Amino acid sequence: MLVICCLCAVCLVGLTHIGEASVSRARADAVADVVALAGVGHGQLGARQVAEASQAALLSFDQTGPSAIQVTVQLGSVRSTAAADALGAEFPDELGTVGNPNYQNQPR
């Protein structure tokens, strides 16, 4: 019986660490998304301010197109990269999204 209790405790600790890692990854991804959007609207300074307000570090800010950027942030020990485009050009035509200028709102 003691062995079963010890195994359960070890499994619980392991699951807790997996859960913490998942939350950290999701939080870093969300911060990267917001920083990328801020960068599209307000440039590198705006992206840096949003990153700092989110307690993250802006590691890179790259302009990948006329209105598109890609950022990498670090939140704690987790790094995340996100991209944003003011024109919605990153969406292929077949995805159909309101942000896509080629979107025709037709049923598939």
N, C-alpha and C. Protein backbone atom coordinates (compact mmCIF):
# COMPACT_ATOMS: atom_id res chain seq x y z
N MET A 1 0.82 -1.19 0.00
CA MET A 1 0.00 0.00 0.00
C MET A 1 0.86 1.26 0.00
N LEU A 2 1.95 1.21 0.75
CA LEU A 2 2.86 2.35 0.81
C LEU A 2 3.50 2.61 -0.55
N VAL A 3 3.80 1.55 -1.27
CA VAL A 3 4.40 1.69 -2.60
C VAL A 3 3.43 2.39 -3.55
N ILE A 4 2.17 2.04 -3.48
CA ILE A 4 1.16 2.66 -4.34
C ILE A 4 1.02 4.15 -4.01
N CYS A 5 1.03 4.48 -2.73
CA CYS A 5 0.94 5.90 -2.33
C CYS A 5 2.16 6.68 -2.83
N CYS A 6 3.34 6.09 -2.74
CA CYS A 6 4.55 6.76 -3.23
C CYS A 6 4.49 6.96 -4.74
N LEU A 7 4.03 5.95 -5.46
CA LEU A 7 3.89 6.08 -6.92
C LEU A 7 2.91 7.18 -7.28
N CYS A 8 1.81 7.24 -6.57
CA CYS A 8 0.82 8.30 -6.83
C CYS A 8 1.41 9.67 -6.56
N ALA A 9 2.18 9.81 -5.51
CA ALA A 9 2.80 11.10 -5.18
C ALA A 9 3.79 11.51 -6.27
N VAL A 10 4.59 10.57 -6.74
CA VAL A 10 5.56 10.87 -7.81
C VAL A 10 4.83 11.28 -9.08
N CYS A 11 3.77 10.57 -9.42
CA CYS A 11 2.99 10.92 -10.62
C CYS A 11 2.36 12.30 -10.49
N LEU A 12 1.87 12.62 -9.32
CA LEU A 12 1.25 13.92 -9.09
C LEU A 12 2.27 15.05 -9.24
N VAL A 13 3.45 14.85 -8.71
CA VAL A 13 4.51 15.86 -8.85
C VAL A 13 4.89 16.02 -10.32
N GLY A 14 5.00 14.93 -11.03
CA GLY A 14 5.33 14.99 -12.46
C GLY A 14 4.27 15.71 -13.26
N LEU A 15 3.01 15.42 -12.99
CA LEU A 15 1.91 16.09 -13.70
C LEU A 15 1.87 17.58 -13.37
N THR A 16 2.22 17.94 -12.15
CA THR A 16 2.26 19.35 -11.78
C THR A 16 3.31 20.09 -12.59
N HIS A 17 4.47 19.49 -12.77
CA HIS A 17 5.53 20.13 -13.56
C HIS A 17 5.12 20.26 -15.03
N ILE A 18 4.47 19.25 -15.56
CA ILE A 18 4.00 19.32 -16.95
C ILE A 18 2.96 20.43 -17.09
N GLY A 19 2.07 20.54 -16.13
CA GLY A 19 1.06 21.61 -16.17
C GLY A 19 1.68 22.99 -16.10
N GLU A 20 2.67 23.16 -15.23
CA GLU A 20 3.35 24.45 -15.11
C GLU A 20 4.06 24.81 -16.42
N ALA A 21 4.68 23.85 -17.05
CA ALA A 21 5.37 24.10 -18.32
C ALA A 21 4.38 24.49 -19.41
N SER A 22 3.22 23.84 -19.43
CA SER A 22 2.20 24.17 -20.43
C SER A 22 1.67 25.59 -20.24
N VAL A 23 1.44 25.97 -19.00
CA VAL A 23 0.95 27.32 -18.71
C VAL A 23 2.00 28.35 -19.08
N SER A 24 3.26 28.09 -18.77
CA SER A 24 4.34 29.02 -19.11
C SER A 24 4.45 29.19 -20.62
N ARG A 25 4.34 28.11 -21.36
CA ARG A 25 4.41 28.17 -22.83
C ARG A 25 3.24 28.96 -23.38
N ALA A 26 2.04 28.70 -22.89
CA ALA A 26 0.86 29.42 -23.38
C ALA A 26 0.96 30.91 -23.06
N ARG A 27 1.45 31.23 -21.89
CA ARG A 27 1.59 32.65 -21.51
C ARG A 27 2.62 33.34 -22.40
N ALA A 28 3.74 32.70 -22.65
CA ALA A 28 4.77 33.28 -23.53
C ALA A 28 4.24 33.45 -24.94
N ASP A 29 3.47 32.49 -25.44
CA ASP A 29 2.88 32.61 -26.78
C ASP A 29 1.92 33.79 -26.85
N ALA A 30 1.11 33.96 -25.81
CA ALA A 30 0.15 35.07 -25.79
C ALA A 30 0.88 36.41 -25.75
N VAL A 31 1.93 36.50 -24.94
CA VAL A 31 2.70 37.75 -24.87
C VAL A 31 3.35 38.04 -26.22
N ALA A 32 3.90 37.02 -26.87
CA ALA A 32 4.52 37.23 -28.19
C ALA A 32 3.50 37.73 -29.20
N ASP A 33 2.30 37.18 -29.17
CA ASP A 33 1.24 37.64 -30.08
C ASP A 33 0.91 39.12 -29.86
N VAL A 34 0.75 39.50 -28.60
CA VAL A 34 0.41 40.89 -28.29
C VAL A 34 1.56 41.83 -28.66
N VAL A 35 2.78 41.41 -28.40
CA VAL A 35 3.95 42.23 -28.74
C VAL A 35 4.04 42.41 -30.25
N ALA A 36 3.78 41.35 -31.00
CA ALA A 36 3.81 41.45 -32.47
C ALA A 36 2.75 42.43 -32.97
N LEU A 37 1.56 42.36 -32.41
CA LEU A 37 0.50 43.28 -32.82
C LEU A 37 0.86 44.72 -32.45
N ALA A 38 1.45 44.92 -31.28
CA ALA A 38 1.88 46.26 -30.89
C ALA A 38 2.97 46.76 -31.83
N GLY A 39 3.83 45.87 -32.26
CA GLY A 39 4.90 46.26 -33.17
C GLY A 39 4.38 46.69 -34.53
N VAL A 40 3.33 46.03 -35.01
CA VAL A 40 2.74 46.43 -36.29
C VAL A 40 2.16 47.83 -36.18
N GLY A 41 1.50 48.10 -35.08
CA GLY A 41 0.84 49.40 -34.92
C GLY A 41 1.75 50.52 -34.47
N HIS A 42 2.77 50.20 -33.68
CA HIS A 42 3.56 51.25 -33.04
C HIS A 42 5.07 51.07 -33.19
N GLY A 43 5.50 50.15 -34.01
CA GLY A 43 6.93 49.98 -34.25
C GLY A 43 7.64 49.28 -33.11
N GLN A 44 8.96 49.30 -33.20
CA GLN A 44 9.78 48.58 -32.23
C GLN A 44 9.63 49.15 -30.82
N LEU A 45 9.52 50.46 -30.71
CA LEU A 45 9.36 51.06 -29.38
C LEU A 45 8.07 50.58 -28.72
N GLY A 46 6.97 50.55 -29.47
CA GLY A 46 5.70 50.06 -28.93
C GLY A 46 5.78 48.60 -28.53
N ALA A 47 6.45 47.80 -29.36
CA ALA A 47 6.61 46.37 -29.05
C ALA A 47 7.42 46.20 -27.77
N ARG A 48 8.48 46.98 -27.63
CA ARG A 48 9.33 46.88 -26.43
C ARG A 48 8.55 47.29 -25.18
N GLN A 49 7.74 48.35 -25.29
CA GLN A 49 6.96 48.80 -24.14
C GLN A 49 5.94 47.75 -23.71
N VAL A 50 5.28 47.12 -24.67
CA VAL A 50 4.31 46.08 -24.33
C VAL A 50 5.01 44.87 -23.73
N ALA A 51 6.16 44.50 -24.26
CA ALA A 51 6.92 43.38 -23.71
C ALA A 51 7.31 43.66 -22.26
N GLU A 52 7.82 44.86 -22.01
CA GLU A 52 8.22 45.20 -20.64
C GLU A 52 7.02 45.24 -19.70
N ALA A 53 5.89 45.75 -20.18
CA ALA A 53 4.68 45.78 -19.35
C ALA A 53 4.20 44.36 -19.03
N SER A 54 4.54 43.41 -19.89
CA SER A 54 4.17 42.01 -19.68
C SER A 54 5.25 41.23 -18.95
N GLN A 55 6.27 41.94 -18.47
CA GLN A 55 7.41 41.35 -17.77
C GLN A 55 8.17 40.36 -18.64
N ALA A 56 8.27 40.70 -19.93
CA ALA A 56 9.01 39.87 -20.88
C ALA A 56 10.12 40.72 -21.50
N ALA A 57 11.07 40.05 -22.12
CA ALA A 57 12.15 40.74 -22.82
C ALA A 57 11.96 40.56 -24.32
N LEU A 58 12.06 41.65 -25.06
CA LEU A 58 11.98 41.59 -26.52
C LEU A 58 13.37 41.23 -27.03
N LEU A 59 13.52 40.02 -27.55
CA LEU A 59 14.83 39.55 -28.00
C LEU A 59 15.12 39.93 -29.44
N SER A 60 14.08 39.92 -30.29
CA SER A 60 14.30 40.31 -31.69
C SER A 60 13.04 40.95 -32.25
N PHE A 61 13.26 41.86 -33.18
CA PHE A 61 12.18 42.57 -33.88
C PHE A 61 12.63 42.67 -35.32
N ASP A 62 12.01 41.89 -36.20
CA ASP A 62 12.42 41.85 -37.60
C ASP A 62 11.26 42.25 -38.49
N GLN A 63 11.51 43.17 -39.40
CA GLN A 63 10.49 43.53 -40.39
C GLN A 63 10.62 42.54 -41.53
N THR A 64 9.55 41.76 -41.76
CA THR A 64 9.58 40.71 -42.77
C THR A 64 8.84 41.08 -44.04
N GLY A 65 8.21 42.24 -44.05
CA GLY A 65 7.48 42.72 -45.22
C GLY A 65 7.14 44.18 -45.02
N PRO A 66 6.44 44.78 -45.98
CA PRO A 66 6.13 46.20 -45.88
C PRO A 66 5.34 46.56 -44.61
N SER A 67 4.48 45.66 -44.18
CA SER A 67 3.70 45.92 -42.96
C SER A 67 3.72 44.72 -42.02
N ALA A 68 4.70 43.84 -42.21
CA ALA A 68 4.76 42.60 -41.43
C ALA A 68 6.01 42.59 -40.55
N ILE A 69 5.85 42.08 -39.35
CA ILE A 69 6.98 41.93 -38.45
C ILE A 69 6.96 40.55 -37.80
N GLN A 70 8.12 40.18 -37.27
CA GLN A 70 8.25 38.95 -36.49
C GLN A 70 9.03 39.32 -35.24
N VAL A 71 8.54 38.88 -34.09
CA VAL A 71 9.20 39.17 -32.83
C VAL A 71 9.50 37.87 -32.09
N THR A 72 10.52 37.94 -31.26
CA THR A 72 10.83 36.85 -30.33
C THR A 72 10.92 37.47 -28.95
N VAL A 73 10.20 36.89 -28.00
CA VAL A 73 10.22 37.38 -26.63
C VAL A 73 10.64 36.25 -25.70
N GLN A 74 11.13 36.64 -24.54
CA GLN A 74 11.44 35.66 -23.50
C GLN A 74 10.69 36.07 -22.25
N LEU A 75 9.91 35.13 -21.75
CA LEU A 75 9.14 35.33 -20.53
C LEU A 75 9.60 34.27 -19.54
N GLY A 76 10.33 34.69 -18.54
CA GLY A 76 10.94 33.72 -17.63
C GLY A 76 11.99 32.93 -18.39
N SER A 77 11.84 31.62 -18.43
CA SER A 77 12.80 30.78 -19.15
C SER A 77 12.27 30.34 -20.52
N VAL A 78 11.09 30.84 -20.91
CA VAL A 78 10.45 30.39 -22.15
C VAL A 78 10.57 31.46 -23.23
N ARG A 79 11.02 31.04 -24.40
CA ARG A 79 11.07 31.92 -25.57
C ARG A 79 9.92 31.58 -26.51
N SER A 80 9.38 32.63 -27.13
CA SER A 80 8.29 32.42 -28.08
C SER A 80 8.42 33.43 -29.22
N THR A 81 8.05 33.00 -30.41
CA THR A 81 8.11 33.84 -31.60
C THR A 81 6.71 33.99 -32.17
N ALA A 82 6.40 35.20 -32.63
CA ALA A 82 5.09 35.46 -33.25
C ALA A 82 5.29 36.45 -34.38
N ALA A 83 4.36 36.43 -35.32
CA ALA A 83 4.40 37.35 -36.46
C ALA A 83 3.04 38.01 -36.60
N ALA A 84 3.06 39.22 -37.14
CA ALA A 84 1.81 39.94 -37.40
C ALA A 84 1.99 40.78 -38.65
N ASP A 85 0.87 41.02 -39.33
CA ASP A 85 0.87 41.80 -40.56
C ASP A 85 -0.35 42.71 -40.54
N ALA A 86 -0.14 43.99 -40.75
CA ALA A 86 -1.25 44.95 -40.71
C ALA A 86 -2.26 44.69 -41.81
N LEU A 87 -1.84 44.09 -42.90
CA LEU A 87 -2.74 43.86 -44.03
C LEU A 87 -3.36 42.47 -44.04
N GLY A 88 -2.95 41.61 -43.14
CA GLY A 88 -3.48 40.26 -43.12
C GLY A 88 -2.93 39.40 -44.24
N ALA A 89 -1.81 39.79 -44.81
CA ALA A 89 -1.27 39.09 -45.97
C ALA A 89 -0.69 37.72 -45.63
N GLU A 90 -0.51 37.41 -44.35
CA GLU A 90 0.06 36.12 -44.00
C GLU A 90 -0.93 34.98 -44.14
N PHE A 91 -2.20 35.29 -44.39
CA PHE A 91 -3.22 34.27 -44.52
C PHE A 91 -3.37 33.85 -45.97
N PRO A 92 -3.18 32.58 -46.29
CA PRO A 92 -3.42 32.12 -47.66
C PRO A 92 -4.89 32.30 -48.02
N ASP A 93 -5.17 32.49 -49.30
CA ASP A 93 -6.54 32.70 -49.76
C ASP A 93 -7.49 31.60 -49.31
N GLU A 94 -7.00 30.36 -49.28
CA GLU A 94 -7.90 29.24 -48.98
C GLU A 94 -8.34 29.22 -47.51
N LEU A 95 -7.66 29.94 -46.62
CA LEU A 95 -8.07 29.93 -45.22
C LEU A 95 -9.32 30.77 -44.99
N GLY A 96 -9.52 31.82 -45.78
CA GLY A 96 -10.71 32.64 -45.65
C GLY A 96 -10.86 33.26 -44.27
N THR A 97 -10.40 34.47 -44.11
CA THR A 97 -10.52 35.17 -42.85
C THR A 97 -10.84 36.62 -43.11
N VAL A 98 -11.50 37.25 -42.18
CA VAL A 98 -11.89 38.65 -42.36
C VAL A 98 -10.65 39.53 -42.51
N GLY A 99 -9.53 39.17 -41.89
CA GLY A 99 -8.31 39.95 -42.00
C GLY A 99 -7.63 39.81 -43.35
N ASN A 100 -8.08 38.88 -44.16
CA ASN A 100 -7.47 38.64 -45.47
C ASN A 100 -8.19 39.49 -46.51
N PRO A 101 -7.47 40.39 -47.20
CA PRO A 101 -8.14 41.24 -48.19
C PRO A 101 -8.75 40.46 -49.35
N ASN A 102 -8.32 39.22 -49.56
CA ASN A 102 -8.86 38.40 -50.65
C ASN A 102 -10.05 37.55 -50.20
N TYR A 103 -10.41 37.66 -48.94
CA TYR A 103 -11.52 36.86 -48.39
C TYR A 103 -12.84 37.30 -49.02
N GLN A 104 -13.61 36.34 -49.51
CA GLN A 104 -14.83 36.68 -50.22
C GLN A 104 -16.09 36.21 -49.50
N ASN A 105 -15.93 35.68 -48.28
CA ASN A 105 -17.07 35.28 -47.45
C ASN A 105 -18.04 34.36 -48.19
N GLN A 106 -17.51 33.36 -48.84
CA GLN A 106 -18.34 32.41 -49.57
C GLN A 106 -18.32 31.06 -48.85
N PRO A 107 -19.46 30.38 -48.81
CA PRO A 107 -19.47 29.05 -48.18
C PRO A 107 -18.60 28.08 -48.97
N ARG A 108 -18.07 27.12 -48.27
CA ARG A 108 -17.19 26.15 -48.93
C ARG A 108 -17.92 24.89 -49.25
